[in-house]
Amino acid sequence: MISREPRAIGGYFELELPRVEAPLHGNALRFQSSRAAFLALLRAGRPTAVWMPWYICDAMIEPLRMTGTPVKRYRLDSGLRVQSANIAHGEWLVYVNYFGLCAHQIDDVLSRFPRERVLIDNAQALFAQPADCLATLYSPRKFLGVPDGGYLVTQQPIELPQTTDDGSLQRCGHLLTRLAKDAEAGYADYAAAEESLKHQEPLRMSALTERLLAGIDYDSVRARRVENFAFLHEKLQRYNRFTFHYDEQAAPLCYPFFDAPAGVRETLRARRIYTPTYWPDVADAEGAPDFERALPGSTLCLPCDQRLTRDDLAPMVQHLLDRLT
């Protein structure tokens, strides 16, 4: 039991924030980041090796290095399904819910491999339900304006850290700067905040992040993302090389456009439309298959988040259509 001091009463005011009564993933264990949650899971479960896709954020490899866990790699096919993996006794497999659009691929994974040894990485699928498997990870800051935080849903016995993260205040600069100024002004602070989450021992989610997450209207966030994604899909699906099974209830991270015209990312950036690249290090990774190696540069991740309306998205779509037709 963590001892707490009596709550302060009176004095100056804190930032006024609304509070909602239905937190997302209320049964999840709360850490300072999803990679810290993964590290805690690895230490508790002690797998003999973990099968990882080539196409994955290096942040998910970091906990494996920290624990000395052997890493085995598997390939994806063109539909982002696991192509080849032979899980031995004591080994785990991690599958990424890419862009929040891989519910069918997850069903395929869980039908082919022992569920009790499969971990689903839902960092790009905040609103997806936890899978019936070893564990499911979430990273709220990929979808929401919070400085850090990670959710772990698992039936495995995991002992939460005794210490609570106290670094969130130092990671809020970019959130406040973008609110008060613009995106470009806060980018350096954003990069510094991301860097500060590397190589950390697991900590409990900070009180600040918990309070910020408790004030979000998740139904509204989900609805706007669904609406925006549907608009982009309607306009662009005929030109998109990747055919995904679109679940109308999914609230994707972005709209992934495969095999985008050369140079379009740069022209969009010149118009202050920013399309992140996931994950550029894969292109130069030794041993990476050709398909995965090409994904970071050829996939245009168009924003569809809750801050945007159709009026925001229409010029972006038209610019892309002008390049495609």
Protein backbone atom coordinates (compact mmCIF):
# COMPACT_ATOMS: atom_id res chain seq x y z
CA MET A 1 0.00 0.00 0.00
CA ILE A 2 1.37 3.42 -1.03
CA SER A 3 0.97 5.97 1.76
CA ARG A 4 -0.53 9.30 0.72
CA GLU A 5 -0.47 12.66 2.42
CA PRO A 6 -3.80 14.31 3.28
CA ARG A 7 -5.34 16.17 0.34
CA ALA A 8 -4.57 19.90 0.34
CA ILE A 9 -7.63 22.12 0.79
CA GLY A 10 -7.80 25.80 -0.12
CA GLY A 11 -5.05 27.97 -1.58
CA TYR A 12 -4.47 28.75 -5.25
CA PHE A 13 -6.34 26.99 -8.06
CA GLU A 14 -5.11 24.29 -10.38
CA LEU A 15 -5.86 24.14 -14.11
CA GLU A 16 -9.61 23.63 -14.53
CA LEU A 17 -10.35 20.33 -16.27
CA PRO A 18 -13.67 18.54 -16.86
CA ARG A 19 -14.06 15.03 -15.51
CA VAL A 20 -15.90 12.18 -17.22
CA GLU A 21 -17.16 9.10 -15.43
CA ALA A 22 -16.24 6.42 -17.98
CA PRO A 23 -12.46 6.06 -18.34
CA LEU A 24 -11.13 4.11 -21.29
CA HIS A 25 -9.84 0.60 -20.49
CA GLY A 26 -10.74 0.97 -16.84
CA ASN A 27 -9.37 -2.48 -15.97
CA ALA A 28 -5.92 -1.80 -17.42
CA LEU A 29 -2.71 -1.49 -15.43
CA ARG A 30 -1.38 2.06 -15.83
CA PHE A 31 2.29 2.76 -16.50
CA GLN A 32 4.24 5.82 -17.66
CA SER A 33 4.48 4.35 -21.19
CA SER A 34 3.53 1.24 -23.13
CA ARG A 35 7.18 0.25 -23.48
CA ALA A 36 7.55 0.39 -19.67
CA ALA A 37 4.46 -1.80 -19.39
CA PHE A 38 6.03 -4.25 -21.87
CA LEU A 39 9.21 -4.27 -19.80
CA ALA A 40 7.23 -5.12 -16.66
CA LEU A 41 5.43 -7.92 -18.52
CA LEU A 42 8.71 -9.37 -19.80
CA ARG A 43 10.19 -9.42 -16.31
CA ALA A 44 7.12 -11.14 -14.91
CA GLY A 45 6.67 -13.70 -17.70
CA ARG A 46 10.33 -14.37 -18.62
CA PRO A 47 9.79 -15.72 -22.15
CA THR A 48 12.67 -17.67 -23.67
CA ALA A 49 12.37 -15.54 -26.84
CA VAL A 50 9.91 -13.11 -28.44
CA TRP A 51 8.88 -13.14 -32.10
CA MET A 52 8.63 -9.58 -33.41
CA PRO A 53 7.61 -8.27 -36.84
CA TRP A 54 10.25 -6.45 -38.83
CA TYR A 55 7.81 -3.56 -39.23
CA ILE A 56 7.62 -2.24 -35.67
CA CYS A 57 8.75 0.73 -33.63
CA ASP A 58 12.23 0.39 -32.15
CA ALA A 59 10.71 1.41 -28.79
CA MET A 60 9.23 -2.09 -28.58
CA ILE A 61 12.65 -3.67 -29.10
CA GLU A 62 14.16 -1.60 -26.28
CA PRO A 63 12.56 -3.62 -23.40
CA LEU A 64 13.81 -6.83 -25.01
CA ARG A 65 17.34 -5.47 -25.02
CA MET A 66 17.00 -4.31 -21.41
CA THR A 67 15.95 -7.80 -20.27
CA GLY A 68 18.34 -9.67 -22.55
CA THR A 69 15.41 -11.50 -24.16
CA PRO A 70 16.31 -13.10 -27.52
CA VAL A 71 14.44 -11.59 -30.47
CA LYS A 72 13.21 -13.63 -33.41
CA ARG A 73 11.73 -11.95 -36.48
CA TYR A 74 8.82 -12.80 -38.74
CA ARG A 75 7.73 -11.43 -42.10
CA LEU A 76 4.40 -9.90 -43.07
CA ASP A 77 2.55 -10.59 -46.30
CA SER A 78 1.02 -7.81 -48.39
CA GLY A 79 -2.13 -7.94 -46.25
CA LEU A 80 -0.08 -7.38 -43.05
CA ARG A 81 -0.67 -10.95 -41.88
CA VAL A 82 2.00 -13.01 -40.13
CA GLN A 83 3.74 -14.90 -42.90
CA SER A 84 6.10 -17.22 -41.04
CA ALA A 85 6.72 -17.87 -37.36
CA ASN A 86 7.38 -21.08 -35.48
CA ILE A 87 6.77 -20.41 -31.80
CA ALA A 88 8.53 -22.89 -29.57
CA HIS A 89 7.59 -23.66 -25.98
CA GLY A 90 8.20 -20.64 -23.73
CA GLU A 91 8.28 -18.14 -26.61
CA TRP A 92 5.89 -15.24 -27.25
CA LEU A 93 4.71 -13.50 -30.41
CA VAL A 94 3.94 -9.77 -30.69
CA TYR A 95 1.53 -8.57 -33.38
CA VAL A 96 0.89 -4.88 -34.11
CA ASN A 97 -2.62 -3.68 -34.88
CA TYR A 98 -1.26 -1.53 -37.72
CA PHE A 99 -3.00 1.84 -38.06
CA GLY A 100 -5.88 0.44 -35.97
CA LEU A 101 -7.14 -1.43 -39.04
CA CYS A 102 -6.00 -5.01 -38.44
CA ALA A 103 -8.83 -6.64 -36.49
CA HIS A 104 -9.11 -9.42 -39.11
CA GLN A 105 -5.36 -10.01 -39.00
CA ILE A 106 -5.53 -10.29 -35.19
CA ASP A 107 -8.25 -12.93 -35.54
CA ASP A 108 -5.93 -14.78 -37.92
CA VAL A 109 -3.01 -14.60 -35.45
CA LEU A 110 -5.13 -15.85 -32.56
CA SER A 111 -6.43 -18.76 -34.64
CA ARG A 112 -2.93 -19.87 -35.68
CA PHE A 113 -0.88 -19.42 -32.51
CA PRO A 114 -1.44 -20.20 -28.80
CA ARG A 115 -3.41 -17.26 -27.43
CA GLU A 116 -1.70 -17.43 -24.07
CA ARG A 117 1.60 -16.55 -25.78
CA VAL A 118 0.39 -13.75 -28.10
CA LEU A 119 0.72 -10.07 -27.21
CA ILE A 120 -1.27 -7.53 -29.23
CA ASP A 121 0.33 -4.10 -29.59
CA ASN A 122 -2.59 -1.68 -29.84
CA ALA A 123 -0.44 1.47 -29.70
CA GLN A 124 -2.08 2.45 -33.01
CA ALA A 125 -5.54 1.27 -31.95
CA LEU A 126 -6.51 2.98 -28.71
CA PHE A 127 -10.22 2.21 -29.04
CA ALA A 128 -9.87 -1.48 -29.94
CA GLN A 129 -11.04 -3.90 -27.29
CA PRO A 130 -8.39 -6.00 -25.52
CA ALA A 131 -7.83 -9.34 -27.19
CA ASP A 132 -8.31 -12.68 -25.46
CA CYS A 133 -4.60 -13.44 -25.25
CA LEU A 134 -1.49 -13.02 -23.12
CA ALA A 135 -1.69 -9.22 -23.05
CA THR A 136 -2.72 -6.08 -24.90
CA LEU A 137 -0.78 -2.80 -24.87
CA TYR A 138 -2.02 0.76 -25.50
CA SER A 139 -0.31 4.14 -25.88
CA PRO A 140 -2.82 6.97 -25.27
CA ARG A 141 -0.52 9.81 -26.38
CA LYS A 142 -0.63 8.51 -29.96
CA PHE A 143 -4.30 9.58 -30.03
CA LEU A 144 -4.73 12.23 -27.34
CA GLY A 145 -3.09 15.38 -26.00
CA VAL A 146 -1.38 13.82 -23.00
CA PRO A 147 2.36 13.83 -22.18
CA ASP A 148 2.85 10.09 -21.55
CA GLY A 149 1.10 7.00 -20.25
CA GLY A 150 0.60 3.37 -21.19
CA TYR A 151 -2.06 0.72 -20.55
CA LEU A 152 -1.46 -2.99 -20.06
CA VAL A 153 -4.39 -5.43 -20.04
CA THR A 154 -3.40 -8.93 -18.99
CA GLN A 155 -4.40 -11.87 -16.83
CA GLN A 156 -0.75 -12.39 -15.92
CA PRO A 157 0.16 -11.48 -12.32
CA ILE A 158 1.98 -8.15 -12.65
CA GLU A 159 3.12 -6.19 -9.64
CA LEU A 160 2.70 -2.48 -10.26
CA PRO A 161 5.72 -0.31 -9.41
CA GLN A 162 5.71 1.41 -6.04
CA THR A 163 6.96 4.67 -7.55
CA THR A 164 4.78 7.04 -9.58
CA ASP A 165 6.18 8.89 -12.57
CA ASP A 166 6.89 12.54 -11.74
CA GLY A 167 8.23 13.60 -15.15
CA SER A 168 4.96 14.53 -16.84
CA LEU A 169 5.28 18.24 -16.10
CA GLN A 170 8.52 18.34 -18.09
CA ARG A 171 6.79 16.61 -21.02
CA CYS A 172 3.92 19.10 -21.32
CA GLY A 173 5.78 21.89 -23.12
CA HIS A 174 4.76 20.85 -26.62
CA LEU A 175 1.12 20.37 -25.58
CA LEU A 176 0.86 23.91 -24.22
CA THR A 177 2.95 25.47 -26.99
CA ARG A 178 0.79 23.99 -29.73
CA LEU A 179 -2.29 25.27 -27.92
CA ALA A 180 -0.85 28.77 -27.46
CA LYS A 181 1.18 29.09 -30.68
CA ASP A 182 1.45 26.51 -33.46
CA ALA A 183 2.74 23.05 -34.36
CA GLU A 184 6.20 24.11 -35.49
CA ALA A 185 6.95 26.09 -32.33
CA GLY A 186 6.53 23.07 -30.08
CA TYR A 187 8.21 20.38 -32.17
CA ALA A 188 11.57 20.53 -30.35
CA ASP A 189 9.77 20.09 -27.01
CA TYR A 190 7.81 17.18 -28.46
CA ALA A 191 11.00 15.44 -29.59
CA ALA A 192 12.57 16.01 -26.16
CA ALA A 193 9.50 14.58 -24.43
CA GLU A 194 9.67 11.44 -26.55
CA GLU A 195 13.38 11.08 -25.89
CA SER A 196 12.80 11.32 -22.12
CA LEU A 197 10.72 8.12 -22.16
CA LYS A 198 13.59 5.96 -23.41
CA HIS A 199 15.36 3.40 -21.19
CA GLN A 200 13.12 4.04 -18.20
CA GLU A 201 12.36 1.59 -15.44
CA PRO A 202 8.61 0.92 -15.09
CA LEU A 203 6.72 3.53 -13.07
CA ARG A 204 3.06 4.08 -12.30
CA MET A 205 1.25 6.50 -14.58
CA SER A 206 1.60 10.06 -13.30
CA ALA A 207 -1.24 11.77 -11.44
CA LEU A 208 -1.24 14.51 -14.10
CA THR A 209 -1.68 12.10 -16.98
CA GLU A 210 -4.37 10.17 -15.11
CA ARG A 211 -6.28 13.41 -14.52
CA LEU A 212 -5.92 14.53 -18.13
CA LEU A 213 -7.18 11.17 -19.38
CA ALA A 214 -10.13 11.38 -16.98
CA GLY A 215 -11.31 14.59 -18.66
CA ILE A 216 -11.58 13.37 -22.26
CA ASP A 217 -14.88 12.84 -24.05
CA TYR A 218 -13.95 9.52 -25.65
CA ASP A 219 -17.24 9.07 -27.48
CA SER A 220 -16.69 12.39 -29.24
CA VAL A 221 -13.07 11.53 -30.10
CA ARG A 222 -14.08 8.16 -31.52
CA ALA A 223 -16.99 9.57 -33.54
CA ARG A 224 -14.90 12.30 -35.17
CA ARG A 225 -12.12 9.87 -36.09
CA VAL A 226 -14.64 7.45 -37.60
CA GLU A 227 -16.26 10.25 -39.59
CA ASN A 228 -12.95 11.61 -40.85
CA PHE A 229 -11.59 8.20 -41.79
CA ALA A 230 -14.81 7.36 -43.67
CA PHE A 231 -14.49 10.58 -45.68
CA LEU A 232 -10.89 9.83 -46.66
CA HIS A 233 -11.73 6.22 -47.47
CA GLU A 234 -14.62 7.23 -49.69
CA LYS A 235 -12.41 9.60 -51.70
CA LEU A 236 -9.20 7.57 -51.88
CA GLN A 237 -9.94 3.86 -51.62
CA ARG A 238 -9.96 3.26 -55.38
CA TYR A 239 -6.37 4.51 -55.62
CA ASN A 240 -5.05 2.81 -52.48
CA ARG A 241 -2.95 -0.33 -53.06
CA PHE A 242 -3.71 -1.63 -49.57
CA THR A 243 -7.16 -3.20 -49.35
CA PHE A 244 -8.16 -3.33 -45.71
CA HIS A 245 -11.31 -4.63 -44.06
CA TYR A 246 -12.74 -1.38 -42.78
CA ASP A 247 -14.76 -1.76 -39.59
CA GLU A 248 -17.07 1.24 -39.34
CA GLN A 249 -16.71 1.15 -35.54
CA ALA A 250 -12.91 1.33 -35.68
CA ALA A 251 -11.31 4.65 -34.77
CA PRO A 252 -8.02 4.40 -36.70
CA LEU A 253 -4.79 6.21 -36.00
CA CYS A 254 -4.63 7.59 -39.53
CA TYR A 255 -5.59 6.81 -43.13
CA PRO A 256 -2.70 4.75 -44.57
CA PHE A 257 -2.29 5.34 -48.30
CA PHE A 258 0.06 2.74 -49.79
CA ASP A 259 2.32 3.54 -52.74
CA ALA A 260 1.78 7.30 -52.62
CA PRO A 261 3.23 9.35 -55.51
CA ALA A 262 6.85 10.37 -55.04
CA GLY A 263 7.28 13.79 -53.48
CA VAL A 264 3.70 14.17 -52.24
CA ARG A 265 4.77 13.96 -48.59
CA GLU A 266 7.08 16.94 -49.13
CA THR A 267 4.47 19.02 -50.93
CA LEU A 268 1.96 18.36 -48.16
CA ARG A 269 4.54 19.38 -45.57
CA ALA A 270 5.05 22.65 -47.44
CA ARG A 271 1.30 23.22 -46.93
CA ARG A 272 1.76 22.50 -43.18
CA ILE A 273 0.10 19.08 -43.48
CA TYR A 274 2.25 16.66 -41.50
CA THR A 275 2.21 12.94 -42.28
CA PRO A 276 4.36 10.85 -39.90
CA THR A 277 6.56 8.03 -41.16
CA TYR A 278 6.23 4.72 -39.28
CA TRP A 279 9.01 3.51 -38.73
CA PRO A 280 11.90 4.90 -40.81
CA ASP A 281 14.62 2.77 -39.16
CA VAL A 282 13.09 -0.36 -40.73
CA ALA A 283 14.22 0.78 -44.18
CA ASP A 284 17.87 0.37 -43.16
CA ALA A 285 17.52 -2.60 -40.79
CA GLU A 286 19.92 -5.40 -41.60
CA GLY A 287 18.02 -8.48 -42.76
CA ALA A 288 14.65 -6.74 -43.18
CA PRO A 289 12.56 -8.18 -46.05
CA ASP A 290 11.95 -6.03 -49.11
CA PHE A 291 8.24 -5.53 -48.34
CA GLU A 292 8.83 -4.23 -44.83
CA ARG A 293 11.84 -2.21 -45.94
CA ALA A 294 9.68 -0.34 -48.47
CA LEU A 295 6.74 0.35 -46.14
CA PRO A 296 8.04 3.44 -44.27
CA GLY A 297 8.80 5.42 -47.42
CA SER A 298 5.86 4.29 -49.53
CA THR A 299 3.05 4.61 -46.97
CA LEU A 300 1.48 8.05 -46.59
CA CYS A 301 -0.22 8.29 -43.18
CA LEU A 302 -2.90 10.94 -43.66
CA PRO A 303 -4.24 12.56 -40.47
CA CYS A 304 -7.86 11.88 -39.51
CA ASP A 305 -7.82 12.84 -35.85
CA GLN A 306 -10.51 14.47 -33.75
CA ARG A 307 -9.21 18.03 -34.25
CA LEU A 308 -10.09 17.92 -37.95
CA THR A 309 -13.25 18.44 -39.97
CA ARG A 310 -14.10 17.68 -43.60
CA ASP A 311 -13.26 21.27 -44.43
CA ASP A 312 -9.74 20.63 -43.11
CA LEU A 313 -9.40 17.35 -44.98
CA ALA A 314 -10.88 18.34 -48.36
CA PRO A 315 -7.90 20.42 -49.61
CA MET A 316 -5.51 17.63 -48.61
CA VAL A 317 -7.60 15.07 -50.49
CA GLN A 318 -7.86 17.28 -53.56
CA HIS A 319 -4.11 17.81 -53.65
CA LEU A 320 -3.55 14.07 -53.52
CA LEU A 321 -6.21 13.40 -56.18
CA ASP A 322 -4.57 15.95 -58.47
CA ARG A 323 -1.37 13.90 -58.24
CA LEU A 324 -3.15 10.59 -58.81
CA THR A 325 -5.41 11.45 -61.74
